[in-house]
Amino acid sequence: MRFTKAAAVATAAIAVTALSAAPAQATGKKPLKTKSLAAVLTADKSGFDRNGHDYDILTAAVTAVLKAKPGSKVGVLADGKTPVTAFLPNDRAFQLLVKDITKSRKLPGEKKAFTAVAGLGINTVESVLLYHVVPGATITKKAALKSDNAKLATAAGSKIKVDVYGPRWHKRIALIDADRSDRNPRINRFDINKGNRQIAHGIDRVLRPIDLP
């Protein structure tokens, strides 16, 4: 697929991530706190760097959408009172996506990768972010490990499937999206912002809501 063709096709292929249609986490003895995921993301002031394991590109994408469209549903990430589970692609995930859709031989830098993502248009970036966001559910690692084969509806309306695999003593989780020709994202960091109504899990690829050729 050529990059020119990717504006609409790849539009859905970029991302930030999350689950929905799952029951909210039982709060147990302590009520969940209200620190938002937006507060967690913007706490890192390093900006674009050489660390592919943080979330600079994602943070920039969320900020760009909310600046252009203050009323966007992406704003739920800044409302710590609303339960949300999100899957967060790290910087390397976005770099791999841009490398793929541009057919490049090497990974772009973080700033260049963000420019490519932003070039798809605010509406596209917004829809991709919502594909990774699930309002109404606080899903911890413990709950996710018990959710094999669950089909979860995202805030964008599309579904992803939970795949729990591996030996009993070392279970792992992959998320199956609509793209059947690309490796599915795997969760590589659990329970970001645990103890709050909004929780996230880091992933190593961007969720793709359509099947890219």
Protein backbone atom coordinates (compact mmCIF):
# COMPACT_ATOMS: atom_id res chain seq x y z
CA MET A 1 0.00 0.00 0.00
CA ARG A 2 1.34 3.43 -0.95
CA PHE A 3 1.33 6.24 1.58
CA THR A 4 -0.93 8.37 -0.61
CA LYS A 5 -3.49 5.64 -0.35
CA ALA A 6 -3.00 5.46 3.37
CA ALA A 7 -4.57 8.75 4.31
CA ALA A 8 -7.93 7.12 4.71
CA VAL A 9 -6.78 3.54 5.01
CA ALA A 10 -3.90 4.19 7.35
CA THR A 11 -5.98 6.72 9.08
CA ALA A 12 -7.48 3.89 10.98
CA ALA A 13 -4.09 2.39 11.32
CA ILE A 14 -2.54 4.73 13.77
CA ALA A 15 -3.32 4.93 17.34
CA VAL A 16 -3.67 4.96 21.03
CA THR A 17 -5.62 2.10 22.55
CA ALA A 18 -8.33 0.73 24.80
CA LEU A 19 -11.05 -1.70 25.80
CA SER A 20 -14.78 -1.46 26.28
CA ALA A 21 -17.88 -3.49 26.79
CA ALA A 22 -16.33 -5.10 29.82
CA PRO A 23 -17.77 -4.80 33.28
CA ALA A 24 -16.30 -2.09 35.47
CA GLN A 25 -13.75 -3.31 37.98
CA ALA A 26 -15.04 -4.04 41.44
CA THR A 27 -13.71 -1.34 43.69
CA GLY A 28 -13.28 -3.56 46.74
CA LYS A 29 -12.63 -1.82 50.04
CA LYS A 30 -11.04 1.35 48.69
CA PRO A 31 -12.87 3.63 46.25
CA LEU A 32 -10.91 4.28 43.07
CA LYS A 33 -9.22 7.67 42.80
CA THR A 34 -9.79 10.19 40.01
CA LYS A 35 -6.37 10.97 38.54
CA SER A 36 -6.84 11.12 34.76
CA LEU A 37 -4.79 9.38 32.09
CA ALA A 38 -4.21 12.77 30.44
CA ALA A 39 -2.48 13.88 33.64
CA VAL A 40 -0.29 10.79 33.55
CA LEU A 41 0.69 11.32 29.91
CA THR A 42 1.44 15.04 30.19
CA ALA A 43 3.53 14.57 33.33
CA ASP A 44 6.42 13.49 31.09
CA LYS A 45 7.96 16.74 29.86
CA SER A 46 10.83 15.17 27.90
CA GLY A 47 9.15 15.59 24.51
CA PHE A 48 10.34 13.73 21.42
CA ASP A 49 13.49 11.79 22.24
CA ARG A 50 15.26 8.51 21.52
CA ASN A 51 13.32 6.49 24.07
CA GLY A 52 10.94 4.29 22.11
CA HIS A 53 9.33 2.89 25.24
CA ASP A 54 7.50 5.99 26.43
CA TYR A 55 4.47 7.77 24.97
CA ASP A 56 5.62 11.09 23.49
CA ILE A 57 3.90 10.61 20.11
CA LEU A 58 0.66 9.51 21.73
CA THR A 59 0.71 12.47 24.10
CA ALA A 60 1.29 14.87 21.21
CA ALA A 61 -1.59 13.29 19.28
CA VAL A 62 -4.02 13.60 22.19
CA THR A 63 -2.94 17.20 22.81
CA ALA A 64 -3.35 18.11 19.12
CA VAL A 65 -6.87 16.69 18.95
CA LEU A 66 -8.05 18.42 22.12
CA LYS A 67 -6.54 21.71 20.98
CA ALA A 68 -8.27 21.55 17.61
CA LYS A 69 -11.51 20.04 18.92
CA PRO A 70 -12.07 20.91 22.60
CA GLY A 71 -15.39 19.06 22.54
CA SER A 72 -13.90 15.82 21.22
CA LYS A 73 -14.78 12.54 22.93
CA VAL A 74 -11.04 12.11 23.40
CA GLY A 75 -11.54 14.57 26.24
CA VAL A 76 -12.75 11.67 28.37
CA LEU A 77 -9.06 10.94 28.99
CA ALA A 78 -8.87 14.19 30.93
CA ASP A 79 -11.95 13.43 33.05
CA GLY A 80 -10.65 11.31 35.89
CA LYS A 81 -14.15 10.77 37.25
CA THR A 82 -15.12 8.69 34.20
CA PRO A 83 -13.97 5.05 34.24
CA VAL A 84 -11.78 4.28 31.24
CA THR A 85 -9.43 1.55 30.09
CA ALA A 86 -6.95 2.55 27.40
CA PHE A 87 -4.27 0.72 25.45
CA LEU A 88 -1.33 3.01 24.86
CA PRO A 89 0.98 2.39 21.88
CA ASN A 90 4.51 3.44 22.75
CA ASP A 91 6.66 5.59 20.47
CA ARG A 92 8.25 2.56 18.80
CA ALA A 93 4.76 1.31 17.90
CA PHE A 94 4.01 4.53 16.02
CA GLN A 95 7.42 4.48 14.36
CA LEU A 96 6.82 0.92 13.14
CA LEU A 97 3.42 1.94 11.81
CA VAL A 98 4.80 4.89 9.83
CA LYS A 99 7.66 2.72 8.54
CA ASP A 100 5.11 0.18 7.33
CA ILE A 101 2.71 2.55 5.58
CA THR A 102 5.54 4.50 3.92
CA LYS A 103 7.41 1.33 2.90
CA SER A 104 10.56 2.83 4.40
CA ARG A 105 13.61 0.73 5.17
CA LYS A 106 14.29 2.39 8.50
CA LEU A 107 12.39 3.74 11.45
CA PRO A 108 11.62 7.47 11.40
CA GLY A 109 12.53 9.65 14.36
CA GLU A 110 9.75 10.42 16.81
CA LYS A 111 9.13 13.94 15.49
CA LYS A 112 8.97 12.71 11.91
CA ALA A 113 6.64 9.88 12.91
CA PHE A 114 4.31 12.32 14.66
CA THR A 115 4.32 14.61 11.61
CA ALA A 116 3.27 11.67 9.44
CA VAL A 117 0.47 10.79 11.84
CA ALA A 118 -0.73 14.39 12.14
CA GLY A 119 -0.65 14.65 8.34
CA LEU A 120 -3.58 12.26 8.18
CA GLY A 121 -5.81 15.01 9.59
CA ILE A 122 -7.27 15.76 12.99
CA ASN A 123 -10.48 13.81 12.34
CA THR A 124 -8.48 10.73 11.41
CA VAL A 125 -6.21 11.01 14.42
CA GLU A 126 -9.25 11.48 16.63
CA SER A 127 -10.98 8.35 15.31
CA VAL A 128 -7.82 6.32 15.76
CA LEU A 129 -7.43 7.48 19.35
CA LEU A 130 -11.04 6.58 20.10
CA TYR A 131 -10.40 3.09 18.73
CA HIS A 132 -8.10 2.60 21.70
CA VAL A 133 -10.36 4.09 24.35
CA VAL A 134 -13.07 2.36 26.34
CA PRO A 135 -15.14 4.53 28.66
CA GLY A 136 -17.08 2.85 31.42
CA ALA A 137 -14.61 0.12 32.33
CA THR A 138 -11.65 -0.08 34.69
CA ILE A 139 -9.91 -3.29 33.64
CA THR A 140 -6.84 -4.33 35.62
CA LYS A 141 -4.24 -6.89 34.59
CA LYS A 142 -5.88 -9.44 36.87
CA ALA A 143 -9.25 -8.97 35.15
CA ALA A 144 -7.73 -8.94 31.66
CA LEU A 145 -5.98 -12.27 32.23
CA LYS A 146 -9.41 -13.80 32.84
CA SER A 147 -10.87 -12.34 29.63
CA ASP A 148 -9.57 -14.70 26.94
CA ASN A 149 -11.64 -14.43 23.73
CA ALA A 150 -13.61 -11.47 25.03
CA LYS A 151 -14.75 -9.10 22.29
CA LEU A 152 -14.49 -5.52 23.46
CA ALA A 153 -16.22 -2.53 21.87
CA THR A 154 -14.06 0.58 21.63
CA ALA A 155 -15.22 4.19 21.86
CA ALA A 156 -14.96 4.32 18.06
CA GLY A 157 -17.56 1.58 17.76
CA SER A 158 -15.24 -1.12 16.41
CA LYS A 159 -14.30 -4.23 18.35
CA ILE A 160 -11.05 -5.87 19.36
CA LYS A 161 -10.56 -9.35 20.77
CA VAL A 162 -8.51 -10.34 23.81
CA ASP A 163 -6.11 -13.26 23.30
CA VAL A 164 -4.61 -14.66 26.50
CA TYR A 165 -1.85 -17.14 25.71
CA GLY A 166 1.24 -18.81 27.13
CA PRO A 167 1.84 -21.21 30.03
CA ARG A 168 -0.21 -20.86 33.19
CA TRP A 169 2.74 -19.43 35.13
CA HIS A 170 3.51 -16.78 32.50
CA LYS A 171 0.34 -15.68 30.73
CA ARG A 172 0.57 -12.92 28.13
CA ILE A 173 -2.05 -10.87 26.31
CA ALA A 174 -2.39 -9.88 22.66
CA LEU A 175 -5.14 -7.75 21.15
CA ILE A 176 -6.60 -8.90 17.85
CA ASP A 177 -7.71 -6.01 15.64
CA ALA A 178 -9.23 -5.91 12.14
CA ASP A 179 -5.91 -6.22 10.31
CA ARG A 180 -5.16 -9.86 9.57
CA SER A 181 -1.86 -9.25 7.74
CA ASP A 182 0.06 -7.55 10.52
CA ARG A 183 1.29 -8.78 13.91
CA ASN A 184 -1.20 -8.04 16.63
CA PRO A 185 -0.24 -5.68 19.46
CA ARG A 186 0.92 -7.27 22.70
CA ILE A 187 0.58 -5.71 26.11
CA ASN A 188 4.06 -4.96 27.42
CA ARG A 189 3.17 -2.81 30.42
CA PHE A 190 0.25 -3.31 32.77
CA ASP A 191 -1.79 -1.21 35.16
CA ILE A 192 -0.62 2.31 34.35
CA ASN A 193 -2.39 4.65 36.81
CA LYS A 194 -3.61 1.69 38.89
CA GLY A 195 -5.88 2.59 41.79
CA ASN A 196 -7.73 5.19 39.72
CA ARG A 197 -10.93 4.99 37.71
CA GLN A 198 -8.86 5.49 34.56
CA ILE A 199 -6.33 2.77 33.89
CA ALA A 200 -4.12 1.92 30.91
CA HIS A 201 -1.92 -0.82 29.52
CA GLY A 202 1.02 -0.17 27.20
CA ILE A 203 1.17 -1.99 23.85
CA ASP A 204 3.98 -2.56 21.36
CA ARG A 205 2.02 -1.99 18.14
CA VAL A 206 -0.75 0.34 17.03
CA LEU A 207 -4.22 -1.19 16.82
CA ARG A 208 -5.51 -1.23 13.24
CA PRO A 209 -9.29 -0.97 12.84
CA ILE A 210 -9.19 -2.00 9.15
CA ASP A 211 -7.40 -4.64 7.14
CA LEU A 212 -4.47 -2.99 5.37
CA PRO A 213 -3.23 -4.58 2.14
